[in-house]
Amino acid sequence: MWLLDANMDVHLAGVLTELGIRCNTAGNRGWKALSNGDLVKAAMDAGVRCLLTRDRLFGESAARALKAFPEFAVVVVNIPRRRWPEYRELFEARWKESPIAPVPGCLVDWP
């Protein structure tokens, strides 16, 4: 299962589901206020193995958590904010070029 950080558009959960990826949002889980390290721990405890975020500094603040949970992956999504229809179009185009490939224990920049 993948998790969308609070800074990701919640509509993206539907797109990922359409792509066959089980997904939830930090907001749906009640985790919006958690620090990055605590978010990784809560996510791991809930069976999540990948977090998508826009926060480029996430890796720095969650480095210890990634070491503690080497099976967890963080993906920084580098698609500029847009209104939802345009963002979806950009996301799907990038996905067709190169789908997200989480790497356990690592921070991955995508695309």
PDB file of N, CA and C in Angstrom:
ATOM      1  N   MET A   1       0.839  -1.182   0.000  1.00  0.00           N
ATOM      2  CA  MET A   1       0.000   0.000   0.000  1.00  0.00           C
ATOM      3  C   MET A   1       0.883   1.244   0.000  1.00  0.00           C
ATOM      4  N   TRP A   2       0.431   2.278  -0.726  1.00  0.00           N
ATOM      5  CA  TRP A   2       1.116   3.560  -0.783  1.00  0.00           C
ATOM      6  C   TRP A   2       0.304   4.603  -0.017  1.00  0.00           C
ATOM      7  N   LEU A   3       0.989   5.649   0.429  1.00  0.00           N
ATOM      8  CA  LEU A   3       0.364   6.737   1.169  1.00  0.00           C
ATOM      9  C   LEU A   3       0.723   8.063   0.514  1.00  0.00           C
ATOM     10  N   LEU A   4      -0.275   8.928   0.381  1.00  0.00           N
ATOM     11  CA  LEU A   4      -0.032  10.293  -0.100  1.00  0.00           C
ATOM     12  C   LEU A   4       0.163  11.195   1.101  1.00  0.00           C
ATOM     13  N   ASP A   5       1.270  11.907   1.134  1.00  0.00           N
ATOM     14  CA  ASP A   5       1.546  12.877   2.187  1.00  0.00           C
ATOM     15  C   ASP A   5       0.483  13.971   2.139  1.00  0.00           C
ATOM     16  N   ALA A   6       0.358  14.710   3.216  1.00  0.00           N
ATOM     17  CA  ALA A   6      -0.658  15.766   3.308  1.00  0.00           C
ATOM     18  C   ALA A   6      -0.476  16.844   2.247  1.00  0.00           C
ATOM     19  N   ASN A   7       0.716  16.967   1.665  1.00  0.00           N
ATOM     20  CA  ASN A   7       0.958  18.003   0.660  1.00  0.00           C
ATOM     21  C   ASN A   7       0.644  17.546  -0.767  1.00  0.00           C
ATOM     22  N   MET A   8       0.146  16.327  -0.920  1.00  0.00           N
ATOM     23  CA  MET A   8      -0.211  15.801  -2.244  1.00  0.00           C
ATOM     24  C   MET A   8      -1.714  15.973  -2.481  1.00  0.00           C
ATOM     25  N   ASP A   9      -2.102  16.160  -3.733  1.00  0.00           N
ATOM     26  CA  ASP A   9      -3.514  16.288  -4.082  1.00  0.00           C
ATOM     27  C   ASP A   9      -4.218  14.965  -3.805  1.00  0.00           C
ATOM     28  N   VAL A  10      -5.279  15.010  -3.006  1.00  0.00           N
ATOM     29  CA  VAL A  10      -5.980  13.787  -2.611  1.00  0.00           C
ATOM     30  C   VAL A  10      -6.610  13.068  -3.802  1.00  0.00           C
ATOM     31  N   HIS A  11      -6.879  13.780  -4.881  1.00  0.00           N
ATOM     32  CA  HIS A  11      -7.446  13.148  -6.079  1.00  0.00           C
ATOM     33  C   HIS A  11      -6.505  12.101  -6.673  1.00  0.00           C
ATOM     34  N   LEU A  12      -5.225  12.244  -6.390  1.00  0.00           N
ATOM     35  CA  LEU A  12      -4.239  11.327  -6.929  1.00  0.00           C
ATOM     36  C   LEU A  12      -4.464   9.895  -6.431  1.00  0.00           C
ATOM     37  N   ALA A  13      -5.075   9.746  -5.272  1.00  0.00           N
ATOM     38  CA  ALA A  13      -5.366   8.405  -4.745  1.00  0.00           C
ATOM     39  C   ALA A  13      -6.234   7.625  -5.732  1.00  0.00           C
ATOM     40  N   GLY A  14      -7.196   8.279  -6.350  1.00  0.00           N
ATOM     41  CA  GLY A  14      -8.047   7.622  -7.331  1.00  0.00           C
ATOM     42  C   GLY A  14      -7.278   7.200  -8.567  1.00  0.00           C
ATOM     43  N   VAL A  15      -6.367   8.035  -9.018  1.00  0.00           N
ATOM     44  CA  VAL A  15      -5.547   7.712 -10.195  1.00  0.00           C
ATOM     45  C   VAL A  15      -4.679   6.490  -9.899  1.00  0.00           C
ATOM     46  N   LEU A  16      -4.056   6.480  -8.733  1.00  0.00           N
ATOM     47  CA  LEU A  16      -3.208   5.346  -8.377  1.00  0.00           C
ATOM     48  C   LEU A  16      -4.033   4.067  -8.259  1.00  0.00           C
ATOM     49  N   THR A  17      -5.218   4.186  -7.704  1.00  0.00           N
ATOM     50  CA  THR A  17      -6.103   3.022  -7.607  1.00  0.00           C
ATOM     51  C   THR A  17      -6.433   2.497  -8.997  1.00  0.00           C
ATOM     52  N   GLU A  18      -6.710   3.406  -9.940  1.00  0.00           N
ATOM     53  CA  GLU A  18      -6.977   2.999 -11.328  1.00  0.00           C
ATOM     54  C   GLU A  18      -5.769   2.286 -11.941  1.00  0.00           C
ATOM     55  N   LEU A  19      -4.576   2.625 -11.476  1.00  0.00           N
ATOM     56  CA  LEU A  19      -3.353   2.000 -11.968  1.00  0.00           C
ATOM     57  C   LEU A  19      -3.055   0.683 -11.249  1.00  0.00           C
ATOM     58  N   GLY A  20      -3.937   0.306 -10.338  1.00  0.00           N
ATOM     59  CA  GLY A  20      -3.776  -0.956  -9.625  1.00  0.00           C
ATOM     60  C   GLY A  20      -2.964  -0.878  -8.353  1.00  0.00           C
ATOM     61  N   ILE A  21      -2.765   0.334  -7.834  1.00  0.00           N
ATOM     62  CA  ILE A  21      -1.974   0.527  -6.619  1.00  0.00           C
ATOM     63  C   ILE A  21      -2.904   0.882  -5.468  1.00  0.00           C
ATOM     64  N   ARG A  22      -2.873   0.072  -4.426  1.00  0.00           N
ATOM     65  CA  ARG A  22      -3.652   0.396  -3.228  1.00  0.00           C
ATOM     66  C   ARG A  22      -3.043   1.638  -2.591  1.00  0.00           C
ATOM     67  N   CYS A  23      -3.893   2.584  -2.248  1.00  0.00           N
ATOM     68  CA  CYS A  23      -3.403   3.888  -1.828  1.00  0.00           C
ATOM     69  C   CYS A  23      -4.365   4.526  -0.832  1.00  0.00           C
ATOM     70  N   ASN A  24      -3.815   5.345   0.064  1.00  0.00           N
ATOM     71  CA  ASN A  24      -4.616   6.122   0.994  1.00  0.00           C
ATOM     72  C   ASN A  24      -3.912   7.462   1.180  1.00  0.00           C
ATOM     73  N   THR A  25      -4.537   8.357   1.915  1.00  0.00           N
ATOM     74  CA  THR A  25      -3.936   9.670   2.160  1.00  0.00           C
ATOM     75  C   THR A  25      -3.665   9.852   3.653  1.00  0.00           C
ATOM     76  N   ALA A  26      -2.674  10.678   3.958  1.00  0.00           N
ATOM     77  CA  ALA A  26      -2.372  10.986   5.355  1.00  0.00           C
ATOM     78  C   ALA A  26      -3.591  11.610   6.028  1.00  0.00           C
ATOM     79  N   GLY A  27      -4.320  12.444   5.288  1.00  0.00           N
ATOM     80  CA  GLY A  27      -5.520  13.063   5.847  1.00  0.00           C
ATOM     81  C   GLY A  27      -6.587  12.051   6.217  1.00  0.00           C
ATOM     82  N   ASN A  28      -6.823  11.081   5.353  1.00  0.00           N
ATOM     83  CA  ASN A  28      -7.817  10.041   5.641  1.00  0.00           C
ATOM     84  C   ASN A  28      -7.445   9.230   6.875  1.00  0.00           C
ATOM     85  N   ARG A  29      -6.163   9.061   7.093  1.00  0.00           N
ATOM     86  CA  ARG A  29      -5.680   8.283   8.239  1.00  0.00           C
ATOM     87  C   ARG A  29      -5.605   9.113   9.519  1.00  0.00           C
ATOM     88  N   GLY A  30      -5.798  10.438   9.401  1.00  0.00           N
ATOM     89  CA  GLY A  30      -5.686  11.306  10.574  1.00  0.00           C
ATOM     90  C   GLY A  30      -4.237  11.613  10.935  1.00  0.00           C
ATOM     91  N   TRP A  31      -3.346  11.554   9.945  1.00  0.00           N
ATOM     92  CA  TRP A  31      -1.911  11.718  10.181  1.00  0.00           C
ATOM     93  C   TRP A  31      -1.357  13.038   9.670  1.00  0.00           C
ATOM     94  N   LYS A  32      -2.205  14.007   9.359  1.00  0.00           N
ATOM     95  CA  LYS A  32      -1.721  15.273   8.789  1.00  0.00           C
ATOM     96  C   LYS A  32      -0.731  15.998   9.703  1.00  0.00           C
ATOM     97  N   ALA A  33      -0.904  15.893  11.006  1.00  0.00           N
ATOM     98  CA  ALA A  33      -0.077  16.655  11.940  1.00  0.00           C
ATOM     99  C   ALA A  33       1.191  15.927  12.364  1.00  0.00           C
ATOM    100  N   LEU A  34       1.395  14.695  11.908  1.00  0.00           N
ATOM    101  CA  LEU A  34       2.576  13.941  12.325  1.00  0.00           C
ATOM    102  C   LEU A  34       3.842  14.497  11.676  1.00  0.00           C
ATOM    103  N   SER A  35       4.941  14.476  12.445  1.00  0.00           N
ATOM    104  CA  SER A  35       6.239  14.848  11.868  1.00  0.00           C
ATOM    105  C   SER A  35       6.634  13.753  10.891  1.00  0.00           C
ATOM    106  N   ASN A  36       7.608  14.034  10.046  1.00  0.00           N
ATOM    107  CA  ASN A  36       7.999  13.070   9.015  1.00  0.00           C
ATOM    108  C   ASN A  36       8.402  11.716   9.594  1.00  0.00           C
ATOM    109  N   GLY A  37       9.233  11.720  10.630  1.00  0.00           N
ATOM    110  CA  GLY A  37       9.661  10.463  11.238  1.00  0.00           C
ATOM    111  C   GLY A  37       8.499   9.697  11.839  1.00  0.00           C
ATOM    112  N   ASP A  38       7.611  10.406  12.527  1.00  0.00           N
ATOM    113  CA  ASP A  38       6.438   9.756  13.120  1.00  0.00           C
ATOM    114  C   ASP A  38       5.486   9.253  12.047  1.00  0.00           C
ATOM    115  N   LEU A  39       5.421   9.970  10.936  1.00  0.00           N
ATOM    116  CA  LEU A  39       4.569   9.543   9.823  1.00  0.00           C
ATOM    117  C   LEU A  39       5.075   8.227   9.236  1.00  0.00           C
ATOM    118  N   VAL A  40       6.379   8.113   9.073  1.00  0.00           N
ATOM    119  CA  VAL A  40       6.937   6.861   8.550  1.00  0.00           C
ATOM    120  C   VAL A  40       6.626   5.714   9.498  1.00  0.00           C
ATOM    121  N   LYS A  41       6.797   5.921  10.794  1.00  0.00           N
ATOM    122  CA  LYS A  41       6.510   4.863  11.768  1.00  0.00           C
ATOM    123  C   LYS A  41       5.046   4.464  11.733  1.00  0.00           C
ATOM    124  N   ALA A  42       4.140   5.445  11.742  1.00  0.00           N
ATOM    125  CA  ALA A  42       2.701   5.151  11.704  1.00  0.00           C
ATOM    126  C   ALA A  42       2.342   4.412  10.419  1.00  0.00           C
ATOM    127  N   ALA A  43       2.924   4.849   9.322  1.00  0.00           N
ATOM    128  CA  ALA A  43       2.646   4.211   8.035  1.00  0.00           C
ATOM    129  C   ALA A  43       3.120   2.760   8.034  1.00  0.00           C
ATOM    130  N   MET A  44       4.320   2.521   8.522  1.00  0.00           N
ATOM    131  CA  MET A  44       4.841   1.151   8.577  1.00  0.00           C
ATOM    132  C   MET A  44       3.954   0.275   9.452  1.00  0.00           C
ATOM    133  N   ASP A  45       3.543   0.796  10.598  1.00  0.00           N
ATOM    134  CA  ASP A  45       2.681   0.037  11.497  1.00  0.00           C
ATOM    135  C   ASP A  45       1.355  -0.327  10.840  1.00  0.00           C
ATOM    136  N   ALA A  46       0.924   0.498   9.861  1.00  0.00           N
ATOM    137  CA  ALA A  46      -0.351   0.274   9.168  1.00  0.00           C
ATOM    138  C   ALA A  46      -0.177  -0.534   7.875  1.00  0.00           C
ATOM    139  N   GLY A  47       1.045  -0.976   7.586  1.00  0.00           N
ATOM    140  CA  GLY A  47       1.268  -1.794   6.396  1.00  0.00           C
ATOM    141  C   GLY A  47       1.586  -1.014   5.135  1.00  0.00           C
ATOM    142  N   VAL A  48       1.816   0.286   5.263  1.00  0.00           N
ATOM    143  CA  VAL A  48       2.191   1.115   4.115  1.00  0.00           C
ATOM    144  C   VAL A  48       3.677   0.903   3.847  1.00  0.00           C
ATOM    145  N   ARG A  49       4.054   0.838   2.571  1.00  0.00           N
ATOM    146  CA  ARG A  49       5.464   0.622   2.226  1.00  0.00           C
ATOM    147  C   ARG A  49       6.052   1.728   1.363  1.00  0.00           C
ATOM    148  N   CYS A  50       5.225   2.700   0.948  1.00  0.00           N
ATOM    149  CA  CYS A  50       5.713   3.779   0.104  1.00  0.00           C
ATOM    150  C   CYS A  50       4.926   5.055   0.391  1.00  0.00           C
ATOM    151  N   LEU A  51       5.636   6.150   0.521  1.00  0.00           N
ATOM    152  CA  LEU A  51       5.020   7.454   0.736  1.00  0.00           C
ATOM    153  C   LEU A  51       5.362   8.349  -0.441  1.00  0.00           C
ATOM    154  N   LEU A  52       4.346   8.994  -1.020  1.00  0.00           N
ATOM    155  CA  LEU A  52       4.551  10.005  -2.058  1.00  0.00           C
ATOM    156  C   LEU A  52       4.394  11.368  -1.422  1.00  0.00           C
ATOM    157  N   THR A  53       5.352  12.246  -1.675  1.00  0.00           N
ATOM    158  CA  THR A  53       5.353  13.578  -1.080  1.00  0.00           C
ATOM    159  C   THR A  53       5.886  14.597  -2.075  1.00  0.00           C
ATOM    160  N   ARG A  54       5.636  15.870  -1.808  1.00  0.00           N
ATOM    161  CA  ARG A  54       6.234  16.963  -2.569  1.00  0.00           C
ATOM    162  C   ARG A  54       7.375  17.594  -1.762  1.00  0.00           C
ATOM    163  N   ASP A  55       7.563  17.155  -0.528  1.00  0.00           N
ATOM    164  CA  ASP A  55       8.516  17.729   0.412  1.00  0.00           C
ATOM    165  C   ASP A  55       9.938  17.245   0.120  1.00  0.00           C
ATOM    166  N   ARG A  56      10.731  18.107  -0.498  1.00  0.00           N
ATOM    167  CA  ARG A  56      12.108  17.744  -0.867  1.00  0.00           C
ATOM    168  C   ARG A  56      12.992  17.507   0.358  1.00  0.00           C
ATOM    169  N   LEU A  57      12.631  18.065   1.485  1.00  0.00           N
ATOM    170  CA  LEU A  57      13.439  17.904   2.690  1.00  0.00           C
ATOM    171  C   LEU A  57      13.025  16.686   3.514  1.00  0.00           C
ATOM    172  N   PHE A  58      12.038  15.953   3.022  1.00  0.00           N
ATOM    173  CA  PHE A  58      11.537  14.808   3.777  1.00  0.00           C
ATOM    174  C   PHE A  58      12.659  13.825   4.092  1.00  0.00           C
ATOM    175  N   GLY A  59      13.495  13.555   3.141  1.00  0.00           N
ATOM    176  CA  GLY A  59      14.568  12.583   3.330  1.00  0.00           C
ATOM    177  C   GLY A  59      15.499  12.960   4.459  1.00  0.00           C
ATOM    178  N   GLU A  60      15.809  14.241   4.580  1.00  0.00           N
ATOM    179  CA  GLU A  60      16.691  14.684   5.656  1.00  0.00           C
ATOM    180  C   GLU A  60      16.052  14.453   7.015  1.00  0.00           C
ATOM    181  N   SER A  61      14.780  14.843   7.149  1.00  0.00           N
ATOM    182  CA  SER A  61      14.136  14.726   8.451  1.00  0.00           C
ATOM    183  C   SER A  61      13.709  13.303   8.770  1.00  0.00           C
ATOM    184  N   ALA A  62      13.547  12.478   7.756  1.00  0.00           N
ATOM    185  CA  ALA A  62      13.110  11.095   7.989  1.00  0.00           C
ATOM    186  C   ALA A  62      14.252  10.094   7.820  1.00  0.00           C
ATOM    187  N   ALA A  63      15.489  10.564   7.719  1.00  0.00           N
ATOM    188  CA  ALA A  63      16.616   9.660   7.464  1.00  0.00           C
ATOM    189  C   ALA A  63      16.713   8.567   8.520  1.00  0.00           C
ATOM    190  N   ARG A  64      16.548   8.934   9.775  1.00  0.00           N
ATOM    191  CA  ARG A  64      16.617   7.922  10.832  1.00  0.00           C
ATOM    192  C   ARG A  64      15.484   6.918  10.711  1.00  0.00           C
ATOM    193  N   ALA A  65      14.302   7.411  10.359  1.00  0.00           N
ATOM    194  CA  ALA A  65      13.157   6.507  10.205  1.00  0.00           C
ATOM    195  C   ALA A  65      13.383   5.544   9.049  1.00  0.00           C
ATOM    196  N   LEU A  66      13.966   6.022   7.955  1.00  0.00           N
ATOM    197  CA  LEU A  66      14.250   5.139   6.821  1.00  0.00           C
ATOM    198  C   LEU A  66      15.293   4.083   7.197  1.00  0.00           C
ATOM    199  N   LYS A  67      16.253   4.457   8.047  1.00  0.00           N
ATOM    200  CA  LYS A  67      17.227   3.472   8.511  1.00  0.00           C
ATOM    201  C   LYS A  67      16.550   2.442   9.411  1.00  0.00           C
ATOM    202  N   ALA A  68      15.622   2.897  10.232  1.00  0.00           N
ATOM    203  CA  ALA A  68      14.910   1.992  11.138  1.00  0.00           C
ATOM    204  C   ALA A  68      13.922   1.103  10.399  1.00  0.00           C
ATOM    205  N   PHE A  69      13.428   1.587   9.243  1.00  0.00           N
ATOM    206  CA  PHE A  69      12.447   0.830   8.459  1.00  0.00           C
ATOM    207  C   PHE A  69      12.962   0.687   7.025  1.00  0.00           C
ATOM    208  N   PRO A  70      13.955  -0.176   6.811  1.00  0.00           N
ATOM    209  CA  PRO A  70      14.588  -0.273   5.493  1.00  0.00           C
ATOM    210  C   PRO A  70      13.663  -0.787   4.398  1.00  0.00           C
ATOM    211  N   GLU A  71      12.499  -1.281   4.740  1.00  0.00           N
ATOM    212  CA  GLU A  71      11.558  -1.742   3.715  1.00  0.00           C
ATOM    213  C   GLU A  71      10.612  -0.635   3.250  1.00  0.00           C
ATOM    214  N   PHE A  72      10.752   0.560   3.821  1.00  0.00           N
ATOM    215  CA  PHE A  72       9.904   1.697   3.487  1.00  0.00           C
ATOM    216  C   PHE A  72      10.592   2.562   2.433  1.00  0.00           C
ATOM    217  N   ALA A  73       9.815   3.126   1.512  1.00  0.00           N
ATOM    218  CA  ALA A  73      10.353   3.994   0.458  1.00  0.00           C
ATOM    219  C   ALA A  73       9.641   5.339   0.477  1.00  0.00           C
ATOM    220  N   VAL A  74      10.380   6.382   0.170  1.00  0.00           N
ATOM    221  CA  VAL A  74       9.817   7.725   0.042  1.00  0.00           C
ATOM    222  C   VAL A  74      10.085   8.201  -1.379  1.00  0.00           C
ATOM    223  N   VAL A  75       9.029   8.665  -2.058  1.00  0.00           N
ATOM    224  CA  VAL A  75       9.148   9.168  -3.420  1.00  0.00           C
ATOM    225  C   VAL A  75       8.756  10.646  -3.414  1.00  0.00           C
ATOM    226  N   VAL A  76       9.683  11.494  -3.847  1.00  0.00           N
ATOM    227  CA  VAL A  76       9.402  12.925  -3.977  1.00  0.00           C
ATOM    228  C   VAL A  76       8.887  13.146  -5.395  1.00  0.00           C
ATOM    229  N   VAL A  77       7.643  13.579  -5.500  1.00  0.00           N
ATOM    230  CA  VAL A  77       7.007  13.810  -6.795  1.00  0.00           C
ATOM    231  C   VAL A  77       7.302  15.239  -7.228  1.00  0.00           C
ATOM    232  N   ASN A  78       8.027  15.370  -8.331  1.00  0.00           N
ATOM    233  CA  ASN A  78       8.484  16.674  -8.817  1.00  0.00           C
ATOM    234  C   ASN A  78       7.642  17.177  -9.987  1.00  0.00           C
ATOM    235  N   ILE A  79       6.355  17.170  -9.808  1.00  0.00           N
ATOM    236  CA  ILE A  79       5.447  17.734 -10.808  1.00  0.00           C
ATOM    237  C   ILE A  79       4.879  19.012 -10.192  1.00  0.00           C
ATOM    238  N   PRO A  80       5.025  20.151 -10.878  1.00  0.00           N
ATOM    239  CA  PRO A  80       4.548  21.410 -10.307  1.00  0.00           C
ATOM    240  C   PRO A  80       3.051  21.377 -10.007  1.00  0.00           C
ATOM    241  N   ARG A  81       2.678  22.115  -8.973  1.00  0.00           N
ATOM    242  CA  ARG A  81       1.257  22.220  -8.620  1.00  0.00           C
ATOM    243  C   ARG A  81       0.483  22.850  -9.766  1.00  0.00           C
ATOM    244  N   ARG A  82      -0.671  22.270 -10.036  1.00  0.00           N
ATOM    245  CA  ARG A  82      -1.584  22.762 -11.063  1.00  0.00           C
ATOM    246  C   ARG A  82      -2.997  22.470 -10.591  1.00  0.00           C
ATOM    247  N   ARG A  83      -3.978  23.020 -11.283  1.00  0.00           N
ATOM    248  CA  ARG A  83      -5.361  22.621 -11.022  1.00  0.00           C
ATOM    249  C   ARG A  83      -5.460  21.139 -11.337  1.00  0.00           C
ATOM    250  N   TRP A  84      -6.387  20.462 -10.652  1.00  0.00           N
ATOM    251  CA  TRP A  84      -6.443  19.015 -10.734  1.00  0.00           C
ATOM    252  C   TRP A  84      -6.466  18.442 -12.152  1.00  0.00           C
ATOM    253  N   PRO A  85      -7.318  18.856 -13.049  1.00  0.00           N
ATOM    254  CA  PRO A  85      -7.318  18.212 -14.374  1.00  0.00           C
ATOM    255  C   PRO A  85      -5.962  18.285 -15.081  1.00  0.00           C
ATOM    256  N   GLU A  86      -5.296  19.432 -14.961  1.00  0.00           N
ATOM    257  CA  GLU A  86      -3.992  19.585 -15.607  1.00  0.00           C
ATOM    258  C   GLU A  86      -2.935  18.749 -14.884  1.00  0.00           C
ATOM    259  N   TYR A  87      -2.992  18.726 -13.553  1.00  0.00           N
ATOM    260  CA  TYR A  87      -2.040  17.930 -12.786  1.00  0.00           C
ATOM    261  C   TYR A  87      -2.193  16.452 -13.125  1.00  0.00           C
ATOM    262  N   ARG A  88      -3.435  15.998 -13.210  1.00  0.00           N
ATOM    263  CA  ARG A  88      -3.677  14.594 -13.550  1.00  0.00           C
ATOM    264  C   ARG A  88      -3.072  14.263 -14.919  1.00  0.00           C
ATOM    265  N   GLU A  89      -3.284  15.154 -15.871  1.00  0.00           N
ATOM    266  CA  GLU A  89      -2.750  14.940 -17.213  1.00  0.00           C
ATOM    267  C   GLU A  89      -1.220  14.842 -17.183  1.00  0.00           C
ATOM    268  N   LEU A  90      -0.573  15.753 -16.456  1.00  0.00           N
ATOM    269  CA  LEU A  90       0.887  15.717 -16.329  1.00  0.00           C
ATOM    270  C   LEU A  90       1.357  14.443 -15.636  1.00  0.00           C
ATOM    271  N   PHE A  91       0.688  14.081 -14.542  1.00  0.00           N
ATOM    272  CA  PHE A  91       1.060  12.886 -13.794  1.00  0.00           C
ATOM    273  C   PHE A  91       0.955  11.649 -14.681  1.00  0.00           C
ATOM    274  N   GLU A  92      -0.166  11.507 -15.367  1.00  0.00           N
ATOM    275  CA  GLU A  92      -0.366  10.324 -16.205  1.00  0.00           C
ATOM    276  C   GLU A  92       0.633  10.271 -17.359  1.00  0.00           C
ATOM    277  N   ALA A  93       0.974  11.428 -17.938  1.00  0.00           N
ATOM    278  CA  ALA A  93       1.963  11.457 -19.021  1.00  0.00           C
ATOM    279  C   ALA A  93       3.333  11.015 -18.503  1.00  0.00           C
ATOM    280  N   ARG A  94       3.724  11.512 -17.327  1.00  0.00           N
ATOM    281  CA  ARG A  94       5.015  11.119 -16.748  1.00  0.00           C
ATOM    282  C   ARG A  94       5.007   9.631 -16.384  1.00  0.00           C
ATOM    283  N   TRP A  95       3.878   9.160 -15.870  1.00  0.00           N
ATOM    284  CA  TRP A  95       3.756   7.756 -15.492  1.00  0.00           C
ATOM    285  C   TRP A  95       3.951   6.852 -16.717  1.00  0.00           C
ATOM    286  N   LYS A  96       3.362   7.252 -17.850  1.00  0.00           N
ATOM    287  CA  LYS A  96       3.506   6.450 -19.071  1.00  0.00           C
ATOM    288  C   LYS A  96       4.960   6.390 -19.516  1.00  0.00           C
ATOM    289  N   GLU A  97       5.685   7.491 -19.328  1.00  0.00           N
ATOM    290  CA  GLU A  97       7.106   7.527 -19.689  1.00  0.00           C
ATOM    291  C   GLU A  97       7.934   6.654 -18.755  1.00  0.00           C
ATOM    292  N   SER A  98       7.624   6.745 -17.457  1.00  0.00           N
ATOM    293  CA  SER A  98       8.403   6.025 -16.455  1.00  0.00           C
ATOM    294  C   SER A  98       7.588   5.925 -15.164  1.00  0.00           C
ATOM    295  N   PRO A  99       6.942   4.785 -14.933  1.00  0.00           N
ATOM    296  CA  PRO A  99       6.144   4.633 -13.705  1.00  0.00           C
ATOM    297  C   PRO A  99       7.014   4.798 -12.460  1.00  0.00           C
ATOM    298  N   ILE A 100       6.390   5.189 -11.376  1.00  0.00           N
ATOM    299  CA  ILE A 100       7.100   5.309 -10.105  1.00  0.00           C
ATOM    300  C   ILE A 100       7.602   3.930  -9.698  1.00  0.00           C
ATOM    301  N   ALA A 101       8.876   3.882  -9.314  1.00  0.00           N
ATOM    302  CA  ALA A 101       9.499   2.634  -8.870  1.00  0.00           C
ATOM    303  C   ALA A 101      10.130   2.872  -7.496  1.00  0.00           C
ATOM    304  N   PRO A 102       9.357   2.671  -6.428  1.00  0.00           N
ATOM    305  CA  PRO A 102       9.896   2.894  -5.083  1.00  0.00           C
ATOM    306  C   PRO A 102      11.089   1.977  -4.805  1.00  0.00           C
ATOM    307  N   VAL A 103      12.062   2.510  -4.085  1.00  0.00           N
ATOM    308  CA  VAL A 103      13.230   1.727  -3.683  1.00  0.00           C
ATOM    309  C   VAL A 103      13.233   1.668  -2.147  1.00  0.00           C
ATOM    310  N   PRO A 104      13.011   0.489  -1.592  1.00  0.00           N
ATOM    311  CA  PRO A 104      12.962   0.368  -0.129  1.00  0.00           C
ATOM    312  C   PRO A 104      14.217   0.953   0.535  1.00  0.00           C
ATOM    313  N   GLY A 105      13.978   1.716   1.609  1.00  0.00           N
ATOM    314  CA  GLY A 105      15.067   2.315   2.374  1.00  0.00           C
ATOM    315  C   GLY A 105      15.639   3.579   1.754  1.00  0.00           C
ATOM    316  N   CYS A 106      15.062   4.031   0.649  1.00  0.00           N
ATOM    317  CA  CYS A 106      15.634   5.172  -0.067  1.00  0.00           C
ATOM    318  C   CYS A 106      14.606   6.274  -0.349  1.00  0.00           C
ATOM    319  N   LEU A 107      15.170   7.437  -0.611  1.00  0.00           N
ATOM    320  CA  LEU A 107      14.408   8.576  -1.094  1.00  0.00           C
ATOM    321  C   LEU A 107      14.616   8.629  -2.603  1.00  0.00           C
ATOM    322  N   VAL A 108      13.528   8.623  -3.371  1.00  0.00           N
ATOM    323  CA  VAL A 108      13.588   8.612  -4.830  1.00  0.00           C
ATOM    324  C   VAL A 108      12.936   9.878  -5.353  1.00  0.00           C
ATOM    325  N   ASP A 109      13.609  10.553  -6.291  1.00  0.00           N
ATOM    326  CA  ASP A 109      13.002  11.690  -6.973  1.00  0.00           C
ATOM    327  C   ASP A 109      12.316  11.182  -8.224  1.00  0.00           C
ATOM    328  N   TRP A 110      11.075  11.619  -8.446  1.00  0.00           N
ATOM    329  CA  TRP A 110      10.308  11.191  -9.627  1.00  0.00           C
ATOM    330  C   TRP A 110       9.567  12.371 -10.192  1.00  0.00           C
ATOM    331  N   PRO A 111       9.393  12.534 -11.432  1.00  0.00           N
ATOM    332  CA  PRO A 111      10.072  11.797 -12.495  1.00  0.00           C
ATOM    333  C   PRO A 111      11.484  12.286 -12.686  1.00  0.00           C
TER     334      PRO A 111
END
